[in-house]
Amino acid sequence: MRNFRLDTFGSAAFLVYSSLWTATPARAQGGGEKTYKAKCAMCHGLDGSGATPAGKSTKARDLCSDEVKKETDVEWTAIATKGKNKMPSFEKS
């Protein structure tokens, strides 16, 4: 099983996904992890690899890949907000 590192990249991923919702004290602690599990893990997997049945069928990107790690926070925010390829937009969520 792959080790999904929660270092700089993992933290940035969770922050991007959690920034889609208005911050409240209840969401401030652990909100990113909860949001990732609720909205992203179905396709990207808990480890970020995209190796889930839904991820394989939609060709979800491996969030630990070098290609993804090179993306900026602006790019991450745009992808999470607007969607990309088969990934839906979360702009209105």
PDB file of N, CA and C in Angstrom:
ATOM      1  N   MET A   1       0.843  -1.186   0.000  1.00  0.00           N
ATOM      2  CA  MET A   1       0.000   0.000   0.000  1.00  0.00           C
ATOM      3  C   MET A   1       0.881   1.239   0.000  1.00  0.00           C
ATOM      4  N   ARG A   2       0.510   2.191  -0.800  1.00  0.00           N
ATOM      5  CA  ARG A   2       1.291   3.419  -0.905  1.00  0.00           C
ATOM      6  C   ARG A   2       1.148   4.255   0.360  1.00  0.00           C
ATOM      7  N   ASN A   3       2.170   4.991   0.646  1.00  0.00           N
ATOM      8  CA  ASN A   3       2.144   5.875   1.801  1.00  0.00           C
ATOM      9  C   ASN A   3       1.820   7.284   1.328  1.00  0.00           C
ATOM     10  N   PHE A   4       0.599   7.739   1.594  1.00  0.00           N
ATOM     11  CA  PHE A   4       0.170   9.087   1.208  1.00  0.00           C
ATOM     12  C   PHE A   4       0.719  10.041   2.247  1.00  0.00           C
ATOM     13  N   ARG A   5       1.787  10.743   1.886  1.00  0.00           N
ATOM     14  CA  ARG A   5       2.479  11.621   2.827  1.00  0.00           C
ATOM     15  C   ARG A   5       1.673  12.875   3.085  1.00  0.00           C
ATOM     16  N   LEU A   6       1.529  13.206   4.342  1.00  0.00           N
ATOM     17  CA  LEU A   6       0.814  14.423   4.717  1.00  0.00           C
ATOM     18  C   LEU A   6       1.797  15.521   5.078  1.00  0.00           C
ATOM     19  N   ASP A   7       2.838  15.638   4.265  1.00  0.00           N
ATOM     20  CA  ASP A   7       3.810  16.708   4.465  1.00  0.00           C
ATOM     21  C   ASP A   7       3.335  17.937   3.702  1.00  0.00           C
ATOM     22  N   THR A   8       4.211  18.663   3.096  1.00  0.00           N
ATOM     23  CA  THR A   8       3.835  19.889   2.392  1.00  0.00           C
ATOM     24  C   THR A   8       2.783  19.629   1.326  1.00  0.00           C
ATOM     25  N   PHE A   9       2.970  18.617   0.497  1.00  0.00           N
ATOM     26  CA  PHE A   9       2.011  18.327  -0.566  1.00  0.00           C
ATOM     27  C   PHE A   9       0.667  17.903   0.003  1.00  0.00           C
ATOM     28  N   GLY A  10       0.669  16.971   0.927  1.00  0.00           N
ATOM     29  CA  GLY A  10      -0.585  16.501   1.505  1.00  0.00           C
ATOM     30  C   GLY A  10      -1.337  17.607   2.205  1.00  0.00           C
ATOM     31  N   SER A  11      -0.613  18.432   2.917  1.00  0.00           N
ATOM     32  CA  SER A  11      -1.248  19.558   3.605  1.00  0.00           C
ATOM     33  C   SER A  11      -1.857  20.521   2.605  1.00  0.00           C
ATOM     34  N   ALA A  12      -1.139  20.776   1.519  1.00  0.00           N
ATOM     35  CA  ALA A  12      -1.660  21.688   0.496  1.00  0.00           C
ATOM     36  C   ALA A  12      -2.924  21.116  -0.132  1.00  0.00           C
ATOM     37  N   ALA A  13      -2.921  19.814  -0.398  1.00  0.00           N
ATOM     38  CA  ALA A  13      -4.105  19.187  -0.998  1.00  0.00           C
ATOM     39  C   ALA A  13      -5.306  19.330  -0.088  1.00  0.00           C
ATOM     40  N   PHE A  14      -5.116  19.055   1.191  1.00  0.00           N
ATOM     41  CA  PHE A  14      -6.233  19.166   2.120  1.00  0.00           C
ATOM     42  C   PHE A  14      -6.698  20.606   2.263  1.00  0.00           C
ATOM     43  N   LEU A  15      -5.764  21.542   2.254  1.00  0.00           N
ATOM     44  CA  LEU A  15      -6.143  22.950   2.364  1.00  0.00           C
ATOM     45  C   LEU A  15      -6.938  23.405   1.146  1.00  0.00           C
ATOM     46  N   VAL A  16      -6.544  22.964  -0.024  1.00  0.00           N
ATOM     47  CA  VAL A  16      -7.272  23.341  -1.228  1.00  0.00           C
ATOM     48  C   VAL A  16      -8.690  22.822  -1.164  1.00  0.00           C
ATOM     49  N   TYR A  17      -8.841  21.553  -0.859  1.00  0.00           N
ATOM     50  CA  TYR A  17     -10.180  20.978  -0.811  1.00  0.00           C
ATOM     51  C   TYR A  17     -11.007  21.581   0.321  1.00  0.00           C
ATOM     52  N   SER A  18     -10.384  21.836   1.450  1.00  0.00           N
ATOM     53  CA  SER A  18     -11.153  22.395   2.560  1.00  0.00           C
ATOM     54  C   SER A  18     -11.501  23.864   2.326  1.00  0.00           C
ATOM     55  N   SER A  19     -10.720  24.536   1.475  1.00  0.00           N
ATOM     56  CA  SER A  19     -11.012  25.955   1.220  1.00  0.00           C
ATOM     57  C   SER A  19     -12.276  26.147   0.393  1.00  0.00           C
ATOM     58  N   LEU A  20     -12.841  25.073  -0.113  1.00  0.00           N
ATOM     59  CA  LEU A  20     -14.072  25.177  -0.899  1.00  0.00           C
ATOM     60  C   LEU A  20     -15.277  25.488  -0.028  1.00  0.00           C
ATOM     61  N   TRP A  21     -15.147  25.290   1.255  1.00  0.00           N
ATOM     62  CA  TRP A  21     -16.268  25.524   2.163  1.00  0.00           C
ATOM     63  C   TRP A  21     -15.921  26.669   3.097  1.00  0.00           C
ATOM     64  N   THR A  22     -16.912  27.394   3.532  1.00  0.00           N
ATOM     65  CA  THR A  22     -16.709  28.509   4.442  1.00  0.00           C
ATOM     66  C   THR A  22     -16.136  27.980   5.750  1.00  0.00           C
ATOM     67  N   ALA A  23     -15.118  28.625   6.233  1.00  0.00           N
ATOM     68  CA  ALA A  23     -14.476  28.190   7.472  1.00  0.00           C
ATOM     69  C   ALA A  23     -15.348  28.529   8.674  1.00  0.00           C
ATOM     70  N   THR A  24     -15.513  27.560   9.537  1.00  0.00           N
ATOM     71  CA  THR A  24     -16.183  27.754  10.809  1.00  0.00           C
ATOM     72  C   THR A  24     -15.325  27.071  11.856  1.00  0.00           C
ATOM     73  N   PRO A  25     -15.477  27.387  13.133  1.00  0.00           N
ATOM     74  CA  PRO A  25     -14.661  26.723  14.148  1.00  0.00           C
ATOM     75  C   PRO A  25     -14.776  25.199  14.087  1.00  0.00           C
ATOM     76  N   ALA A  26     -15.961  24.674  13.806  1.00  0.00           N
ATOM     77  CA  ALA A  26     -16.136  23.221  13.745  1.00  0.00           C
ATOM     78  C   ALA A  26     -15.377  22.624  12.574  1.00  0.00           C
ATOM     79  N   ARG A  27     -15.281  23.366  11.477  1.00  0.00           N
ATOM     80  CA  ARG A  27     -14.591  22.867  10.297  1.00  0.00           C
ATOM     81  C   ARG A  27     -13.100  23.156  10.341  1.00  0.00           C
ATOM     82  N   ALA A  28     -12.684  24.089  11.151  1.00  0.00           N
ATOM     83  CA  ALA A  28     -11.285  24.492  11.178  1.00  0.00           C
ATOM     84  C   ALA A  28     -10.368  23.358  11.612  1.00  0.00           C
ATOM     85  N   GLN A  29     -10.808  22.522  12.529  1.00  0.00           N
ATOM     86  CA  GLN A  29      -9.995  21.412  12.983  1.00  0.00           C
ATOM     87  C   GLN A  29     -10.414  20.149  12.254  1.00  0.00           C
ATOM     88  N   GLY A  30      -9.514  19.615  11.444  1.00  0.00           N
ATOM     89  CA  GLY A  30      -9.785  18.366  10.756  1.00  0.00           C
ATOM     90  C   GLY A  30     -10.748  18.502   9.591  1.00  0.00           C
ATOM     91  N   GLY A  31     -11.131  19.717   9.242  1.00  0.00           N
ATOM     92  CA  GLY A  31     -12.077  19.917   8.154  1.00  0.00           C
ATOM     93  C   GLY A  31     -11.547  19.445   6.816  1.00  0.00           C
ATOM     94  N   GLY A  32     -10.274  19.655   6.564  1.00  0.00           N
ATOM     95  CA  GLY A  32      -9.681  19.224   5.308  1.00  0.00           C
ATOM     96  C   GLY A  32      -9.728  17.729   5.141  1.00  0.00           C
ATOM     97  N   GLU A  33      -9.401  17.017   6.192  1.00  0.00           N
ATOM     98  CA  GLU A  33      -9.418  15.551   6.140  1.00  0.00           C
ATOM     99  C   GLU A  33     -10.841  15.043   5.927  1.00  0.00           C
ATOM    100  N   LYS A  34     -11.790  15.601   6.641  1.00  0.00           N
ATOM    101  CA  LYS A  34     -13.188  15.189   6.489  1.00  0.00           C
ATOM    102  C   LYS A  34     -13.689  15.492   5.085  1.00  0.00           C
ATOM    103  N   THR A  35     -13.353  16.651   4.573  1.00  0.00           N
ATOM    104  CA  THR A  35     -13.764  17.033   3.227  1.00  0.00           C
ATOM    105  C   THR A  35     -13.145  16.098   2.198  1.00  0.00           C
ATOM    106  N   TYR A  36     -11.860  15.805   2.342  1.00  0.00           N
ATOM    107  CA  TYR A  36     -11.186  14.892   1.413  1.00  0.00           C
ATOM    108  C   TYR A  36     -11.877  13.531   1.432  1.00  0.00           C
ATOM    109  N   LYS A  37     -12.136  13.008   2.618  1.00  0.00           N
ATOM    110  CA  LYS A  37     -12.784  11.697   2.723  1.00  0.00           C
ATOM    111  C   LYS A  37     -14.177  11.718   2.106  1.00  0.00           C
ATOM    112  N   ALA A  38     -14.912  12.808   2.278  1.00  0.00           N
ATOM    113  CA  ALA A  38     -16.283  12.893   1.781  1.00  0.00           C
ATOM    114  C   ALA A  38     -16.355  13.163   0.284  1.00  0.00           C
ATOM    115  N   LYS A  39     -15.451  13.959  -0.242  1.00  0.00           N
ATOM    116  CA  LYS A  39     -15.565  14.425  -1.627  1.00  0.00           C
ATOM    117  C   LYS A  39     -14.526  13.852  -2.589  1.00  0.00           C
ATOM    118  N   CYS A  40     -13.380  13.434  -2.084  1.00  0.00           N
ATOM    119  CA  CYS A  40     -12.263  13.094  -2.967  1.00  0.00           C
ATOM    120  C   CYS A  40     -11.848  11.625  -2.923  1.00  0.00           C
ATOM    121  N   ALA A  41     -11.927  11.026  -1.738  1.00  0.00           N
ATOM    122  CA  ALA A  41     -11.404   9.675  -1.547  1.00  0.00           C
ATOM    123  C   ALA A  41     -12.110   8.617  -2.390  1.00  0.00           C
ATOM    124  N   MET A  42     -13.369   8.855  -2.748  1.00  0.00           N
ATOM    125  CA  MET A  42     -14.082   7.868  -3.557  1.00  0.00           C
ATOM    126  C   MET A  42     -13.311   7.577  -4.849  1.00  0.00           C
ATOM    127  N   CYS A  43     -12.762   8.595  -5.452  1.00  0.00           N
ATOM    128  CA  CYS A  43     -12.009   8.415  -6.699  1.00  0.00           C
ATOM    129  C   CYS A  43     -10.497   8.358  -6.461  1.00  0.00           C
ATOM    130  N   HIS A  44      -9.976   9.277  -5.651  1.00  0.00           N
ATOM    131  CA  HIS A  44      -8.532   9.368  -5.468  1.00  0.00           C
ATOM    132  C   HIS A  44      -8.009   8.395  -4.415  1.00  0.00           C
ATOM    133  N   GLY A  45      -8.891   7.806  -3.603  1.00  0.00           N
ATOM    134  CA  GLY A  45      -8.471   6.867  -2.567  1.00  0.00           C
ATOM    135  C   GLY A  45      -7.945   7.580  -1.346  1.00  0.00           C
ATOM    136  N   LEU A  46      -7.956   6.883  -0.231  1.00  0.00           N
ATOM    137  CA  LEU A  46      -7.432   7.472   1.001  1.00  0.00           C
ATOM    138  C   LEU A  46      -5.945   7.762   0.897  1.00  0.00           C
ATOM    139  N   ASP A  47      -5.238   6.997   0.049  1.00  0.00           N
ATOM    140  CA  ASP A  47      -3.802   7.213  -0.111  1.00  0.00           C
ATOM    141  C   ASP A  47      -3.466   8.176  -1.241  1.00  0.00           C
ATOM    142  N   GLY A  48      -4.485   8.660  -1.970  1.00  0.00           N
ATOM    143  CA  GLY A  48      -4.258   9.624  -3.040  1.00  0.00           C
ATOM    144  C   GLY A  48      -3.843   9.024  -4.369  1.00  0.00           C
ATOM    145  N   SER A  49      -3.758   7.698  -4.460  1.00  0.00           N
ATOM    146  CA  SER A  49      -3.223   7.042  -5.656  1.00  0.00           C
ATOM    147  C   SER A  49      -4.177   6.998  -6.841  1.00  0.00           C
ATOM    148  N   GLY A  50      -5.473   7.138  -6.596  1.00  0.00           N
ATOM    149  CA  GLY A  50      -6.447   7.028  -7.672  1.00  0.00           C
ATOM    150  C   GLY A  50      -6.736   5.592  -8.063  1.00  0.00           C
ATOM    151  N   ALA A  51      -6.312   4.641  -7.230  1.00  0.00           N
ATOM    152  CA  ALA A  51      -6.433   3.214  -7.549  1.00  0.00           C
ATOM    153  C   ALA A  51      -7.755   2.595  -7.092  1.00  0.00           C
ATOM    154  N   THR A  52      -8.772   3.394  -6.894  1.00  0.00           N
ATOM    155  CA  THR A  52     -10.091   2.874  -6.522  1.00  0.00           C
ATOM    156  C   THR A  52     -10.834   2.475  -7.801  1.00  0.00           C
ATOM    157  N   PRO A  53     -11.904   1.676  -7.687  1.00  0.00           N
ATOM    158  CA  PRO A  53     -12.674   1.351  -8.890  1.00  0.00           C
ATOM    159  C   PRO A  53     -13.163   2.612  -9.620  1.00  0.00           C
ATOM    160  N   ALA A  54     -13.685   3.582  -8.878  1.00  0.00           N
ATOM    161  CA  ALA A  54     -14.147   4.827  -9.502  1.00  0.00           C
ATOM    162  C   ALA A  54     -12.977   5.601 -10.093  1.00  0.00           C
ATOM    163  N   GLY A  55     -11.860   5.612  -9.395  1.00  0.00           N
ATOM    164  CA  GLY A  55     -10.677   6.317  -9.882  1.00  0.00           C
ATOM    165  C   GLY A  55     -10.123   5.698 -11.149  1.00  0.00           C
ATOM    166  N   LYS A  56     -10.110   4.374 -11.205  1.00  0.00           N
ATOM    167  CA  LYS A  56      -9.621   3.694 -12.410  1.00  0.00           C
ATOM    168  C   LYS A  56     -10.535   3.961 -13.590  1.00  0.00           C
ATOM    169  N   SER A  57     -11.853   3.933 -13.367  1.00  0.00           N
ATOM    170  CA  SER A  57     -12.782   4.127 -14.484  1.00  0.00           C
ATOM    171  C   SER A  57     -12.784   5.572 -14.994  1.00  0.00           C
ATOM    172  N   THR A  58     -12.474   6.521 -14.124  1.00  0.00           N
ATOM    173  CA  THR A  58     -12.438   7.926 -14.552  1.00  0.00           C
ATOM    174  C   THR A  58     -11.021   8.428 -14.806  1.00  0.00           C
ATOM    175  N   LYS A  59     -10.046   7.545 -14.599  1.00  0.00           N
ATOM    176  CA  LYS A  59      -8.629   7.891 -14.775  1.00  0.00           C
ATOM    177  C   LYS A  59      -8.226   9.043 -13.856  1.00  0.00           C
ATOM    178  N   ALA A  60      -8.653   8.945 -12.585  1.00  0.00           N
ATOM    179  CA  ALA A  60      -8.287   9.961 -11.584  1.00  0.00           C
ATOM    180  C   ALA A  60      -6.773  10.000 -11.442  1.00  0.00           C
ATOM    181  N   ARG A  61      -6.251  11.186 -11.300  1.00  0.00           N
ATOM    182  CA  ARG A  61      -4.803  11.356 -11.194  1.00  0.00           C
ATOM    183  C   ARG A  61      -4.295  10.897  -9.836  1.00  0.00           C
ATOM    184  N   ASP A  62      -3.070  10.409  -9.837  1.00  0.00           N
ATOM    185  CA  ASP A  62      -2.365  10.036  -8.622  1.00  0.00           C
ATOM    186  C   ASP A  62      -1.886  11.327  -7.970  1.00  0.00           C
ATOM    187  N   LEU A  63      -2.457  11.659  -6.825  1.00  0.00           N
ATOM    188  CA  LEU A  63      -2.121  12.917  -6.155  1.00  0.00           C
ATOM    189  C   LEU A  63      -0.708  12.934  -5.596  1.00  0.00           C
ATOM    190  N   CYS A  64      -0.028  11.792  -5.605  1.00  0.00           N
ATOM    191  CA  CYS A  64       1.352  11.718  -5.130  1.00  0.00           C
ATOM    192  C   CYS A  64       2.351  11.759  -6.276  1.00  0.00           C
ATOM    193  N   SER A  65       1.859  11.850  -7.513  1.00  0.00           N
ATOM    194  CA  SER A  65       2.754  11.840  -8.672  1.00  0.00           C
ATOM    195  C   SER A  65       3.567  13.132  -8.748  1.00  0.00           C
ATOM    196  N   ASP A  66       4.718  13.027  -9.388  1.00  0.00           N
ATOM    197  CA  ASP A  66       5.575  14.214  -9.559  1.00  0.00           C
ATOM    198  C   ASP A  66       4.852  15.287 -10.356  1.00  0.00           C
ATOM    199  N   GLU A  67       4.072  14.888 -11.359  1.00  0.00           N
ATOM    200  CA  GLU A  67       3.325  15.841 -12.189  1.00  0.00           C
ATOM    201  C   GLU A  67       2.381  16.679 -11.329  1.00  0.00           C
ATOM    202  N   VAL A  68       1.639  16.032 -10.452  1.00  0.00           N
ATOM    203  CA  VAL A  68       0.676  16.735  -9.602  1.00  0.00           C
ATOM    204  C   VAL A  68       1.405  17.593  -8.567  1.00  0.00           C
ATOM    205  N   LYS A  69       2.488  17.097  -8.031  1.00  0.00           N
ATOM    206  CA  LYS A  69       3.240  17.844  -7.022  1.00  0.00           C
ATOM    207  C   LYS A  69       3.802  19.154  -7.560  1.00  0.00           C
ATOM    208  N   LYS A  70       4.003  19.240  -8.879  1.00  0.00           N
ATOM    209  CA  LYS A  70       4.552  20.452  -9.493  1.00  0.00           C
ATOM    210  C   LYS A  70       3.505  21.549  -9.655  1.00  0.00           C
ATOM    211  N   GLU A  71       2.232  21.213  -9.509  1.00  0.00           N
ATOM    212  CA  GLU A  71       1.176  22.208  -9.690  1.00  0.00           C
ATOM    213  C   GLU A  71       1.159  23.209  -8.541  1.00  0.00           C
ATOM    214  N   THR A  72       0.828  24.427  -8.869  1.00  0.00           N
ATOM    215  CA  THR A  72       0.792  25.493  -7.869  1.00  0.00           C
ATOM    216  C   THR A  72      -0.524  25.462  -7.094  1.00  0.00           C
ATOM    217  N   ASP A  73      -0.569  26.217  -6.011  1.00  0.00           N
ATOM    218  CA  ASP A  73      -1.807  26.340  -5.242  1.00  0.00           C
ATOM    219  C   ASP A  73      -2.920  26.932  -6.096  1.00  0.00           C
ATOM    220  N   VAL A  74      -2.565  27.858  -6.972  1.00  0.00           N
ATOM    221  CA  VAL A  74      -3.557  28.466  -7.866  1.00  0.00           C
ATOM    222  C   VAL A  74      -4.140  27.399  -8.790  1.00  0.00           C
ATOM    223  N   GLU A  75      -3.282  26.543  -9.340  1.00  0.00           N
ATOM    224  CA  GLU A  75      -3.762  25.468 -10.210  1.00  0.00           C
ATOM    225  C   GLU A  75      -4.650  24.488  -9.449  1.00  0.00           C
ATOM    226  N   TRP A  76      -4.231  24.137  -8.230  1.00  0.00           N
ATOM    227  CA  TRP A  76      -5.030  23.216  -7.396  1.00  0.00           C
ATOM    228  C   TRP A  76      -6.407  23.802  -7.113  1.00  0.00           C
ATOM    229  N   THR A  77      -6.428  25.066  -6.766  1.00  0.00           N
ATOM    230  CA  THR A  77      -7.696  25.725  -6.459  1.00  0.00           C
ATOM    231  C   THR A  77      -8.596  25.739  -7.690  1.00  0.00           C
ATOM    232  N   ALA A  78      -8.030  26.044  -8.840  1.00  0.00           N
ATOM    233  CA  ALA A  78      -8.820  26.069 -10.081  1.00  0.00           C
ATOM    234  C   ALA A  78      -9.374  24.686 -10.410  1.00  0.00           C
ATOM    235  N   ILE A  79      -8.562  23.651 -10.261  1.00  0.00           N
ATOM    236  CA  ILE A  79      -9.017  22.289 -10.550  1.00  0.00           C
ATOM    237  C   ILE A  79     -10.128  21.884  -9.591  1.00  0.00           C
ATOM    238  N   ALA A  80      -9.933  22.137  -8.306  1.00  0.00           N
ATOM    239  CA  ALA A  80     -10.942  21.756  -7.316  1.00  0.00           C
ATOM    240  C   ALA A  80     -12.224  22.557  -7.479  1.00  0.00           C
ATOM    241  N   THR A  81     -12.097  23.799  -7.883  1.00  0.00           N
ATOM    242  CA  THR A  81     -13.262  24.667  -8.035  1.00  0.00           C
ATOM    243  C   THR A  81     -14.003  24.406  -9.339  1.00  0.00           C
ATOM    244  N   LYS A  82     -13.272  24.365 -10.433  1.00  0.00           N
ATOM    245  CA  LYS A  82     -13.881  24.254 -11.761  1.00  0.00           C
ATOM    246  C   LYS A  82     -14.003  22.820 -12.260  1.00  0.00           C
ATOM    247  N   GLY A  83     -13.218  21.893 -11.679  1.00  0.00           N
ATOM    248  CA  GLY A  83     -13.179  20.523 -12.176  1.00  0.00           C
ATOM    249  C   GLY A  83     -12.152  20.386 -13.288  1.00  0.00           C
ATOM    250  N   LYS A  84     -11.879  19.143 -13.664  1.00  0.00           N
ATOM    251  CA  LYS A  84     -10.920  18.897 -14.735  1.00  0.00           C
ATOM    252  C   LYS A  84     -11.188  17.507 -15.290  1.00  0.00           C
ATOM    253  N   ASN A  85     -11.250  17.406 -16.607  1.00  0.00           N
ATOM    254  CA  ASN A  85     -11.559  16.153 -17.271  1.00  0.00           C
ATOM    255  C   ASN A  85     -12.866  15.597 -16.700  1.00  0.00           C
ATOM    256  N   LYS A  86     -12.820  14.410 -16.098  1.00  0.00           N
ATOM    257  CA  LYS A  86     -14.052  13.827 -15.559  1.00  0.00           C
ATOM    258  C   LYS A  86     -14.334  14.233 -14.112  1.00  0.00           C
ATOM    259  N   MET A  87     -13.410  14.973 -13.504  1.00  0.00           N
ATOM    260  CA  MET A  87     -13.626  15.440 -12.132  1.00  0.00           C
ATOM    261  C   MET A  87     -14.652  16.578 -12.158  1.00  0.00           C
ATOM    262  N   PRO A  88     -15.697  16.460 -11.337  1.00  0.00           N
ATOM    263  CA  PRO A  88     -16.737  17.505 -11.347  1.00  0.00           C
ATOM    264  C   PRO A  88     -16.267  18.799 -10.676  1.00  0.00           C
ATOM    265  N   SER A  89     -16.977  19.854 -10.965  1.00  0.00           N
ATOM    266  CA  SER A  89     -16.733  21.137 -10.322  1.00  0.00           C
ATOM    267  C   SER A  89     -17.327  21.106  -8.918  1.00  0.00           C
ATOM    268  N   PHE A  90     -16.621  21.707  -7.976  1.00  0.00           N
ATOM    269  CA  PHE A  90     -17.132  21.826  -6.616  1.00  0.00           C
ATOM    270  C   PHE A  90     -17.395  23.297  -6.291  1.00  0.00           C
ATOM    271  N   GLU A  91     -17.456  24.111  -7.311  1.00  0.00           N
ATOM    272  CA  GLU A  91     -17.630  25.565  -7.154  1.00  0.00           C
ATOM    273  C   GLU A  91     -18.901  25.908  -6.381  1.00  0.00           C
ATOM    274  N   LYS A  92     -19.984  25.199  -6.602  1.00  0.00           N
ATOM    275  CA  LYS A  92     -21.252  25.516  -5.964  1.00  0.00           C
ATOM    276  C   LYS A  92     -21.524  24.679  -4.724  1.00  0.00           C
ATOM    277  N   SER A  93     -20.554  23.867  -4.337  1.00  0.00           N
ATOM    278  CA  SER A  93     -20.743  22.994  -3.166  1.00  0.00           C
ATOM    279  C   SER A  93     -20.564  23.780  -1.879  1.00  0.00           C
TER     280      SER A  93
END
